[in-house]
PDB file of all heavy atoms in Angstrom:
ATOM      1  N   ASP A   1      80.543 141.726 141.034  1.00  0.00           N
ATOM      2  CA  ASP A   1      79.331 142.402 141.415  1.00  0.00           C
ATOM      3  C   ASP A   1      79.145 142.316 142.912  1.00  0.00           C
ATOM      4  O   ASP A   1      78.940 141.138 143.333  1.00  0.00           O
ATOM      5  CB  ASP A   1      78.132 141.889 140.594  1.00  0.00           C
ATOM      6  CG  ASP A   1      78.395 142.210 139.094  1.00  0.00           C
ATOM      7  OD1 ASP A   1      78.694 143.436 138.763  1.00  0.00           O
ATOM      8  OD2 ASP A   1      78.086 141.326 138.255  1.00  0.00           O
ATOM      9  N   LEU A   2      79.007 143.395 143.594  1.00  0.00           N
ATOM     10  CA  LEU A   2      78.841 143.211 145.047  1.00  0.00           C
ATOM     11  C   LEU A   2      78.410 144.550 145.553  1.00  0.00           C
ATOM     12  O   LEU A   2      78.724 145.592 145.077  1.00  0.00           O
ATOM     13  CB  LEU A   2      80.180 142.869 145.683  1.00  0.00           C
ATOM     14  CG  LEU A   2      80.282 142.351 147.142  1.00  0.00           C
ATOM     15  CD1 LEU A   2      79.450 141.181 147.385  1.00  0.00           C
ATOM     16  CD2 LEU A   2      81.632 142.252 147.657  1.00  0.00           C
ATOM     17  N   ASP A   3      77.456 144.452 146.642  1.00  0.00           N
ATOM     18  CA  ASP A   3      77.022 145.662 147.399  1.00  0.00           C
ATOM     19  C   ASP A   3      77.216 145.531 148.744  1.00  0.00           C
ATOM     20  O   ASP A   3      77.173 144.451 149.352  1.00  0.00           O
ATOM     21  CB  ASP A   3      75.548 145.825 147.037  1.00  0.00           C
ATOM     22  CG  ASP A   3      75.186 146.054 145.535  1.00  0.00           C
ATOM     23  OD1 ASP A   3      75.079 147.362 145.292  1.00  0.00           O
ATOM     24  OD2 ASP A   3      74.928 145.135 144.804  1.00  0.00           O
ATOM     25  N   VAL A   4      77.301 146.794 149.462  1.00  0.00           N
ATOM     26  CA  VAL A   4      77.397 146.771 150.953  1.00  0.00           C
ATOM     27  C   VAL A   4      76.434 147.804 151.411  1.00  0.00           C
ATOM     28  O   VAL A   4      76.531 148.949 151.019  1.00  0.00           O
ATOM     29  CB  VAL A   4      78.819 147.083 151.375  1.00  0.00           C
ATOM     30  CG1 VAL A   4      78.900 147.027 152.856  1.00  0.00           C
ATOM     31  CG2 VAL A   4      79.890 146.157 150.740  1.00  0.00           C
ATOM     32  N   ALA A   5      75.583 147.467 152.290  1.00  0.00           N
ATOM     33  CA  ALA A   5      74.503 148.439 152.728  1.00  0.00           C
ATOM     34  C   ALA A   5      75.136 149.280 153.842  1.00  0.00           C
ATOM     35  O   ALA A   5      76.102 148.943 154.532  1.00  0.00           O
ATOM     36  CB  ALA A   5      73.343 147.589 153.363  1.00  0.00           C
ATOM     37  N   SER A   6      74.530 150.420 154.074  1.00  0.00           N
ATOM     38  CA  SER A   6      74.936 151.311 155.145  1.00  0.00           C
ATOM     39  C   SER A   6      74.835 150.632 156.443  1.00  0.00           C
ATOM     40  O   SER A   6      73.786 150.084 156.836  1.00  0.00           O
ATOM     41  CB  SER A   6      74.136 152.561 155.091  1.00  0.00           C
ATOM     42  OG  SER A   6      74.537 153.496 156.097  1.00  0.00           O
ATOM     43  N   GLY A   7      75.862 150.652 157.308  1.00  0.00           N
ATOM     44  CA  GLY A   7      75.867 149.989 158.573  1.00  0.00           C
ATOM     45  C   GLY A   7      76.180 148.434 158.566  1.00  0.00           C
ATOM     46  O   GLY A   7      76.207 147.842 159.547  1.00  0.00           O
ATOM     47  N   GLU A   8      76.343 147.903 157.351  1.00  0.00           N
ATOM     48  CA  GLU A   8      76.651 146.485 157.260  1.00  0.00           C
ATOM     49  C   GLU A   8      78.061 146.217 157.486  1.00  0.00           C
ATOM     50  O   GLU A   8      79.023 146.900 157.129  1.00  0.00           O
ATOM     51  CB  GLU A   8      76.249 146.026 155.842  1.00  0.00           C
ATOM     52  CG  GLU A   8      76.524 144.503 155.722  1.00  0.00           C
ATOM     53  CD  GLU A   8      76.016 144.082 154.325  1.00  0.00           C
ATOM     54  OE1 GLU A   8      75.941 144.776 153.368  1.00  0.00           O
ATOM     55  OE2 GLU A   8      75.759 142.807 154.205  1.00  0.00           O
ATOM     56  N   VAL A   9      78.322 144.995 158.035  1.00  0.00           N
ATOM     57  CA  VAL A   9      79.763 144.438 158.115  1.00  0.00           C
ATOM     58  C   VAL A   9      79.784 143.291 157.105  1.00  0.00           C
ATOM     59  O   VAL A   9      79.104 142.224 157.346  1.00  0.00           O
ATOM     60  CB  VAL A   9      80.030 143.958 159.518  1.00  0.00           C
ATOM     61  CG1 VAL A   9      81.409 143.300 159.600  1.00  0.00           C
ATOM     62  CG2 VAL A   9      79.994 145.136 160.522  1.00  0.00           C
ATOM     63  N   LEU A  10      80.511 143.412 156.048  1.00  0.00           N
ATOM     64  CA  LEU A  10      80.736 142.451 155.097  1.00  0.00           C
ATOM     65  C   LEU A  10      82.141 141.800 155.212  1.00  0.00           C
ATOM     66  O   LEU A  10      83.197 142.584 155.211  1.00  0.00           O
ATOM     67  CB  LEU A  10      80.527 142.949 153.669  1.00  0.00           C
ATOM     68  CG  LEU A  10      80.836 141.922 152.567  1.00  0.00           C
ATOM     69  CD1 LEU A  10      79.781 140.939 152.413  1.00  0.00           C
ATOM     70  CD2 LEU A  10      80.996 142.678 151.276  1.00  0.00           C
ATOM     71  N   CYS A  11      82.222 140.505 155.480  1.00  0.00           N
ATOM     72  CA  CYS A  11      83.573 139.916 155.587  1.00  0.00           C
ATOM     73  C   CYS A  11      83.890 139.229 154.287  1.00  0.00           C
ATOM     74  O   CYS A  11      83.094 138.412 153.825  1.00  0.00           O
ATOM     75  CB  CYS A  11      83.570 138.882 156.779  1.00  0.00           C
ATOM     76  SG  CYS A  11      83.469 139.675 158.394  1.00  0.00           S
ATOM     77  N   LEU A  12      85.137 139.503 153.718  1.00  0.00           N
ATOM     78  CA  LEU A  12      85.636 138.830 152.604  1.00  0.00           C
ATOM     79  C   LEU A  12      86.537 137.633 152.952  1.00  0.00           C
ATOM     80  O   LEU A  12      87.522 137.960 153.734  1.00  0.00           O
ATOM     81  CB  LEU A  12      86.382 139.703 151.605  1.00  0.00           C
ATOM     82  CG  LEU A  12      85.541 140.903 151.004  1.00  0.00           C
ATOM     83  CD1 LEU A  12      86.470 141.793 150.257  1.00  0.00           C
ATOM     84  CD2 LEU A  12      84.504 140.328 150.018  1.00  0.00           C
ATOM     85  N   ILE A  13      86.198 136.465 152.570  1.00  0.00           N
ATOM     86  CA  ILE A  13      87.135 135.357 152.882  1.00  0.00           C
ATOM     87  C   ILE A  13      87.491 134.661 151.661  1.00  0.00           C
ATOM     88  O   ILE A  13      86.906 134.735 150.673  1.00  0.00           O
ATOM     89  CB  ILE A  13      86.366 134.321 153.905  1.00  0.00           C
ATOM     90  CG1 ILE A  13      85.188 133.622 153.210  1.00  0.00           C
ATOM     91  CG2 ILE A  13      85.910 135.034 155.148  1.00  0.00           C
ATOM     92  CD1 ILE A  13      84.513 132.506 153.959  1.00  0.00           C
ATOM     93  N   GLY A  14      88.551 133.741 151.814  1.00  0.00           N
ATOM     94  CA  GLY A  14      88.979 133.034 150.588  1.00  0.00           C
ATOM     95  C   GLY A  14      90.475 132.838 150.741  1.00  0.00           C
ATOM     96  O   GLY A  14      91.171 133.402 151.483  1.00  0.00           O
ATOM     97  N   PRO A  15      90.998 131.890 149.828  1.00  0.00           N
ATOM     98  CA  PRO A  15      92.369 131.634 149.881  1.00  0.00           C
ATOM     99  C   PRO A  15      93.361 132.822 149.552  1.00  0.00           C
ATOM    100  O   PRO A  15      92.914 133.747 148.850  1.00  0.00           O
ATOM    101  CB  PRO A  15      92.593 130.443 148.838  1.00  0.00           C
ATOM    102  CG  PRO A  15      91.465 130.626 147.908  1.00  0.00           C
ATOM    103  CD  PRO A  15      90.353 131.136 148.738  1.00  0.00           C
ATOM    104  N   SER A  16      94.645 132.774 149.791  1.00  0.00           N
ATOM    105  CA  SER A  16      95.527 133.783 149.543  1.00  0.00           C
ATOM    106  C   SER A  16      95.575 133.894 147.995  1.00  0.00           C
ATOM    107  O   SER A  16      95.637 132.811 147.228  1.00  0.00           O
ATOM    108  CB  SER A  16      96.973 133.508 150.058  1.00  0.00           C
ATOM    109  OG  SER A  16      96.811 133.497 151.476  1.00  0.00           O
ATOM    110  N   GLY A  17      95.590 135.062 147.422  1.00  0.00           N
ATOM    111  CA  GLY A  17      95.718 135.321 146.027  1.00  0.00           C
ATOM    112  C   GLY A  17      94.438 135.272 145.249  1.00  0.00           C
ATOM    113  O   GLY A  17      94.383 135.193 144.107  1.00  0.00           O
ATOM    114  N   SER A  18      93.256 135.236 146.053  1.00  0.00           N
ATOM    115  CA  SER A  18      91.943 135.166 145.384  1.00  0.00           C
ATOM    116  C   SER A  18      91.493 136.530 145.003  1.00  0.00           C
ATOM    117  O   SER A  18      90.456 136.633 144.306  1.00  0.00           O
ATOM    118  CB  SER A  18      90.949 134.557 146.309  1.00  0.00           C
ATOM    119  OG  SER A  18      90.817 135.246 147.574  1.00  0.00           O
ATOM    120  N   GLY A  19      92.095 137.669 145.310  1.00  0.00           N
ATOM    121  CA  GLY A  19      91.731 138.975 145.001  1.00  0.00           C
ATOM    122  C   GLY A  19      91.131 139.839 146.050  1.00  0.00           C
ATOM    123  O   GLY A  19      90.653 140.967 145.744  1.00  0.00           O
ATOM    124  N   LYS A  20      91.039 139.320 147.230  1.00  0.00           N
ATOM    125  CA  LYS A  20      90.334 140.036 148.272  1.00  0.00           C
ATOM    126  C   LYS A  20      90.962 141.460 148.629  1.00  0.00           C
ATOM    127  O   LYS A  20      90.345 142.353 148.661  1.00  0.00           O
ATOM    128  CB  LYS A  20      90.446 139.265 149.588  1.00  0.00           C
ATOM    129  CG  LYS A  20      89.796 137.782 149.319  1.00  0.00           C
ATOM    130  CD  LYS A  20      89.828 137.019 150.743  1.00  0.00           C
ATOM    131  CE  LYS A  20      91.169 136.886 151.447  1.00  0.00           C
ATOM    132  NZ  LYS A  20      92.093 136.032 150.649  1.00  0.00           N
ATOM    133  N   SER A  21      92.324 141.385 148.876  1.00  0.00           N
ATOM    134  CA  SER A  21      93.008 142.674 149.202  1.00  0.00           C
ATOM    135  C   SER A  21      92.933 143.609 147.991  1.00  0.00           C
ATOM    136  O   SER A  21      92.863 144.809 148.217  1.00  0.00           O
ATOM    137  CB  SER A  21      94.420 142.302 149.634  1.00  0.00           C
ATOM    138  OG  SER A  21      94.402 141.641 150.871  1.00  0.00           O
ATOM    139  N   THR A  22      93.093 143.011 146.849  1.00  0.00           N
ATOM    140  CA  THR A  22      93.131 143.935 145.598  1.00  0.00           C
ATOM    141  C   THR A  22      91.682 144.623 145.495  1.00  0.00           C
ATOM    142  O   THR A  22      91.624 145.838 145.185  1.00  0.00           O
ATOM    143  CB  THR A  22      93.425 143.109 144.369  1.00  0.00           C
ATOM    144  OG1 THR A  22      94.628 142.614 144.387  1.00  0.00           O
ATOM    145  CG2 THR A  22      93.250 143.994 143.009  1.00  0.00           C
ATOM    146  N   LEU A  23      90.691 143.944 145.804  1.00  0.00           N
ATOM    147  CA  LEU A  23      89.301 144.496 145.743  1.00  0.00           C
ATOM    148  C   LEU A  23      89.174 145.626 146.716  1.00  0.00           C
ATOM    149  O   LEU A  23      88.709 146.766 146.412  1.00  0.00           O
ATOM    150  CB  LEU A  23      88.233 143.403 146.025  1.00  0.00           C
ATOM    151  CG  LEU A  23      86.766 143.943 145.958  1.00  0.00           C
ATOM    152  CD1 LEU A  23      86.425 144.391 144.530  1.00  0.00           C
ATOM    153  CD2 LEU A  23      85.825 142.810 146.253  1.00  0.00           C
ATOM    154  N   LEU A  24      89.675 145.411 148.008  1.00  0.00           N
ATOM    155  CA  LEU A  24      89.744 146.552 148.931  1.00  0.00           C
ATOM    156  C   LEU A  24      90.509 147.785 148.477  1.00  0.00           C
ATOM    157  O   LEU A  24      90.057 148.890 148.524  1.00  0.00           O
ATOM    158  CB  LEU A  24      90.374 146.038 150.254  1.00  0.00           C
ATOM    159  CG  LEU A  24      89.471 145.380 151.239  1.00  0.00           C
ATOM    160  CD1 LEU A  24      90.110 145.393 152.589  1.00  0.00           C
ATOM    161  CD2 LEU A  24      88.095 145.885 151.449  1.00  0.00           C
ATOM    162  N   ARG A  25      91.636 147.509 147.877  1.00  0.00           N
ATOM    163  CA  ARG A  25      92.503 148.571 147.367  1.00  0.00           C
ATOM    164  C   ARG A  25      91.869 149.404 146.254  1.00  0.00           C
ATOM    165  O   ARG A  25      92.039 150.531 146.025  1.00  0.00           O
ATOM    166  CB  ARG A  25      93.874 148.006 146.910  1.00  0.00           C
ATOM    167  CG  ARG A  25      94.682 147.567 148.161  1.00  0.00           C
ATOM    168  CD  ARG A  25      96.001 146.831 147.709  1.00  0.00           C
ATOM    169  NE  ARG A  25      96.925 147.764 147.015  1.00  0.00           N
ATOM    170  CZ  ARG A  25      97.862 148.497 147.676  1.00  0.00           C
ATOM    171  NH1 ARG A  25      97.812 148.537 148.972  1.00  0.00           N
ATOM    172  NH2 ARG A  25      98.502 149.371 147.056  1.00  0.00           N
ATOM    173  N   CYS A  26      90.975 148.730 145.436  1.00  0.00           N
ATOM    174  CA  CYS A  26      90.239 149.370 144.427  1.00  0.00           C
ATOM    175  C   CYS A  26      89.236 150.281 145.081  1.00  0.00           C
ATOM    176  O   CYS A  26      88.907 151.393 144.481  1.00  0.00           O
ATOM    177  CB  CYS A  26      89.651 148.338 143.471  1.00  0.00           C
ATOM    178  SG  CYS A  26      90.690 147.504 142.322  1.00  0.00           S
ATOM    179  N   VAL A  27      88.622 149.790 146.084  1.00  0.00           N
ATOM    180  CA  VAL A  27      87.559 150.662 146.727  1.00  0.00           C
ATOM    181  C   VAL A  27      88.164 151.945 147.227  1.00  0.00           C
ATOM    182  O   VAL A  27      87.601 152.997 147.225  1.00  0.00           O
ATOM    183  CB  VAL A  27      86.858 149.908 147.908  1.00  0.00           C
ATOM    184  CG1 VAL A  27      85.890 150.872 148.643  1.00  0.00           C
ATOM    185  CG2 VAL A  27      86.008 148.694 147.377  1.00  0.00           C
ATOM    186  N   ASN A  28      89.366 151.827 147.740  1.00  0.00           N
ATOM    187  CA  ASN A  28      90.096 153.069 148.287  1.00  0.00           C
ATOM    188  C   ASN A  28      90.991 153.720 147.301  1.00  0.00           C
ATOM    189  O   ASN A  28      91.814 154.611 147.664  1.00  0.00           O
ATOM    190  CB  ASN A  28      90.941 152.634 149.526  1.00  0.00           C
ATOM    191  CG  ASN A  28      91.274 153.713 150.452  1.00  0.00           C
ATOM    192  OD1 ASN A  28      90.528 154.709 150.622  1.00  0.00           O
ATOM    193  ND2 ASN A  28      92.389 153.675 151.090  1.00  0.00           N
ATOM    194  N   LEU A  29      90.921 153.404 146.050  1.00  0.00           N
ATOM    195  CA  LEU A  29      91.699 154.073 144.963  1.00  0.00           C
ATOM    196  C   LEU A  29      93.252 153.887 145.122  1.00  0.00           C
ATOM    197  O   LEU A  29      93.994 154.640 144.516  1.00  0.00           O
ATOM    198  CB  LEU A  29      91.298 155.472 144.850  1.00  0.00           C
ATOM    199  CG  LEU A  29      90.347 155.819 143.721  1.00  0.00           C
ATOM    200  CD1 LEU A  29      90.122 157.400 143.780  1.00  0.00           C
ATOM    201  CD2 LEU A  29      90.869 155.388 142.354  1.00  0.00           C
ATOM    202  N   LEU A  30      93.663 152.898 145.797  1.00  0.00           N
ATOM    203  CA  LEU A  30      95.080 152.451 145.808  1.00  0.00           C
ATOM    204  C   LEU A  30      95.406 151.722 144.553  1.00  0.00           C
ATOM    205  O   LEU A  30      96.547 151.548 144.203  1.00  0.00           O
ATOM    206  CB  LEU A  30      95.433 151.732 147.011  1.00  0.00           C
ATOM    207  CG  LEU A  30      95.261 152.546 148.411  1.00  0.00           C
ATOM    208  CD1 LEU A  30      95.454 151.588 149.532  1.00  0.00           C
ATOM    209  CD2 LEU A  30      96.078 153.650 148.508  1.00  0.00           C
ATOM    210  N   GLU A  31      94.404 151.161 143.938  1.00  0.00           N
ATOM    211  CA  GLU A  31      94.487 150.586 142.640  1.00  0.00           C
ATOM    212  C   GLU A  31      93.441 151.044 141.649  1.00  0.00           C
ATOM    213  O   GLU A  31      92.394 151.347 142.201  1.00  0.00           O
ATOM    214  CB  GLU A  31      94.496 149.020 142.692  1.00  0.00           C
ATOM    215  CG  GLU A  31      95.372 148.372 143.454  1.00  0.00           C
ATOM    216  CD  GLU A  31      96.765 148.343 142.984  1.00  0.00           C
ATOM    217  OE1 GLU A  31      97.002 148.720 141.773  1.00  0.00           O
ATOM    218  OE2 GLU A  31      97.750 147.937 143.635  1.00  0.00           O
ATOM    219  N   ARG A  32      93.712 151.227 140.387  1.00  0.00           N
ATOM    220  CA  ARG A  32      92.768 151.777 139.409  1.00  0.00           C
ATOM    221  C   ARG A  32      92.115 150.505 138.720  1.00  0.00           C
ATOM    222  O   ARG A  32      92.841 149.567 138.453  1.00  0.00           O
ATOM    223  CB  ARG A  32      93.478 152.582 138.479  1.00  0.00           C
ATOM    224  CG  ARG A  32      93.952 153.940 138.907  1.00  0.00           C
ATOM    225  CD  ARG A  32      92.928 154.887 138.924  1.00  0.00           C
ATOM    226  NE  ARG A  32      93.408 156.198 139.263  1.00  0.00           N
ATOM    227  CZ  ARG A  32      92.752 157.331 139.257  1.00  0.00           C
ATOM    228  NH1 ARG A  32      91.469 157.346 138.799  1.00  0.00           N
ATOM    229  NH2 ARG A  32      93.236 158.529 139.573  1.00  0.00           N
ATOM    230  N   LEU A  33      90.805 150.566 138.573  1.00  0.00           N
ATOM    231  CA  LEU A  33      90.159 149.561 137.795  1.00  0.00           C
ATOM    232  C   LEU A  33      90.491 149.552 136.405  1.00  0.00           C
ATOM    233  O   LEU A  33      90.806 150.585 135.780  1.00  0.00           O
ATOM    234  CB  LEU A  33      88.523 149.757 137.886  1.00  0.00           C
ATOM    235  CG  LEU A  33      87.940 149.887 139.275  1.00  0.00           C
ATOM    236  CD1 LEU A  33      86.370 150.073 139.090  1.00  0.00           C
ATOM    237  CD2 LEU A  33      88.349 148.764 140.135  1.00  0.00           C
ATOM    238  N   ASP A  34      90.486 148.444 135.754  1.00  0.00           N
ATOM    239  CA  ASP A  34      90.518 148.252 134.292  1.00  0.00           C
ATOM    240  C   ASP A  34      89.242 148.541 133.627  1.00  0.00           C
ATOM    241  O   ASP A  34      89.206 149.028 132.581  1.00  0.00           O
ATOM    242  CB  ASP A  34      91.210 146.879 133.884  1.00  0.00           C
ATOM    243  CG  ASP A  34      92.558 146.636 134.326  1.00  0.00           C
ATOM    244  OD1 ASP A  34      93.344 147.770 134.605  1.00  0.00           O
ATOM    245  OD2 ASP A  34      92.948 145.648 134.719  1.00  0.00           O
ATOM    246  N   SER A  35      88.189 148.061 134.212  1.00  0.00           N
ATOM    247  CA  SER A  35      86.951 148.227 133.715  1.00  0.00           C
ATOM    248  C   SER A  35      85.786 147.988 134.822  1.00  0.00           C
ATOM    249  O   SER A  35      86.103 147.507 135.868  1.00  0.00           O
ATOM    250  CB  SER A  35      86.568 147.165 132.491  1.00  0.00           C
ATOM    251  OG  SER A  35      86.593 145.902 132.878  1.00  0.00           O
ATOM    252  N   GLY A  36      84.530 148.366 134.533  1.00  0.00           N
ATOM    253  CA  GLY A  36      83.573 148.287 135.530  1.00  0.00           C
ATOM    254  C   GLY A  36      83.541 149.607 136.376  1.00  0.00           C
ATOM    255  O   GLY A  36      84.332 150.560 136.027  1.00  0.00           O
ATOM    256  N   TYR A  37      82.864 149.567 137.403  1.00  0.00           N
ATOM    257  CA  TYR A  37      82.898 150.755 138.321  1.00  0.00           C
ATOM    258  C   TYR A  37      82.583 150.384 139.816  1.00  0.00           C
ATOM    259  O   TYR A  37      82.015 149.368 140.011  1.00  0.00           O
ATOM    260  CB  TYR A  37      81.848 151.896 137.916  1.00  0.00           C
ATOM    261  CG  TYR A  37      80.447 151.562 138.039  1.00  0.00           C
ATOM    262  CD1 TYR A  37      79.819 151.674 139.337  1.00  0.00           C
ATOM    263  CD2 TYR A  37      79.645 151.082 136.977  1.00  0.00           C
ATOM    264  CE1 TYR A  37      78.404 151.427 139.384  1.00  0.00           C
ATOM    265  CE2 TYR A  37      78.283 150.739 137.128  1.00  0.00           C
ATOM    266  CZ  TYR A  37      77.619 151.000 138.345  1.00  0.00           C
ATOM    267  OH  TYR A  37      76.415 150.686 138.595  1.00  0.00           O
ATOM    268  N   ILE A  38      82.952 151.339 140.686  1.00  0.00           N
ATOM    269  CA  ILE A  38      82.600 151.178 142.159  1.00  0.00           C
ATOM    270  C   ILE A  38      82.080 152.592 142.536  1.00  0.00           C
ATOM    271  O   ILE A  38      82.630 153.637 142.064  1.00  0.00           O
ATOM    272  CB  ILE A  38      83.876 150.746 143.018  1.00  0.00           C
ATOM    273  CG1 ILE A  38      84.525 149.492 142.553  1.00  0.00           C
ATOM    274  CG2 ILE A  38      83.499 150.871 144.492  1.00  0.00           C
ATOM    275  CD1 ILE A  38      85.797 149.134 143.245  1.00  0.00           C
ATOM    276  N   LYS A  39      81.016 152.565 143.157  1.00  0.00           N
ATOM    277  CA  LYS A  39      80.513 153.760 143.843  1.00  0.00           C
ATOM    278  C   LYS A  39      80.516 153.624 145.321  1.00  0.00           C
ATOM    279  O   LYS A  39      80.191 152.645 145.912  1.00  0.00           O
ATOM    280  CB  LYS A  39      78.964 153.977 143.362  1.00  0.00           C
ATOM    281  CG  LYS A  39      78.765 154.447 142.012  1.00  0.00           C
ATOM    282  CD  LYS A  39      77.387 154.730 141.751  1.00  0.00           C
ATOM    283  CE  LYS A  39      77.072 155.211 140.308  1.00  0.00           C
ATOM    284  NZ  LYS A  39      75.633 155.493 140.234  1.00  0.00           N
ATOM    285  N   VAL A  40      80.833 154.786 145.996  1.00  0.00           N
ATOM    286  CA  VAL A  40      80.642 154.908 147.383  1.00  0.00           C
ATOM    287  C   VAL A  40      79.847 156.129 147.730  1.00  0.00           C
ATOM    288  O   VAL A  40      80.140 157.216 147.321  1.00  0.00           O
ATOM    289  CB  VAL A  40      82.139 155.053 148.043  1.00  0.00           C
ATOM    290  CG1 VAL A  40      81.928 155.364 149.551  1.00  0.00           C
ATOM    291  CG2 VAL A  40      83.044 153.855 147.932  1.00  0.00           C
ATOM    292  N   ASP A  41      78.728 155.763 148.444  1.00  0.00           N
ATOM    293  CA  ASP A  41      77.653 156.748 148.775  1.00  0.00           C
ATOM    294  C   ASP A  41      77.281 157.549 147.527  1.00  0.00           C
ATOM    295  O   ASP A  41      77.079 158.728 147.595  1.00  0.00           O
ATOM    296  CB  ASP A  41      78.355 157.722 149.761  1.00  0.00           C
ATOM    297  CG  ASP A  41      77.072 158.457 150.493  1.00  0.00           C
ATOM    298  OD1 ASP A  41      75.962 158.032 150.427  1.00  0.00           O
ATOM    299  OD2 ASP A  41      77.388 159.619 151.146  1.00  0.00           O
ATOM    300  N   GLY A  42      77.152 156.851 146.391  1.00  0.00           N
ATOM    301  CA  GLY A  42      76.543 157.385 145.164  1.00  0.00           C
ATOM    302  C   GLY A  42      77.596 158.055 144.288  1.00  0.00           C
ATOM    303  O   GLY A  42      77.267 158.535 143.146  1.00  0.00           O
TER     304      GLY A  42
END
């Protein structure tokens, strides 16, 4: 569960393998979600 406001810079940090890059790839539809949802600009 995470939100990013318009104009915000959100930095994702954490150890390798923690899911950071996968989360980005889900936002850009390079990976499909198994469940839940992501919205971009509604």
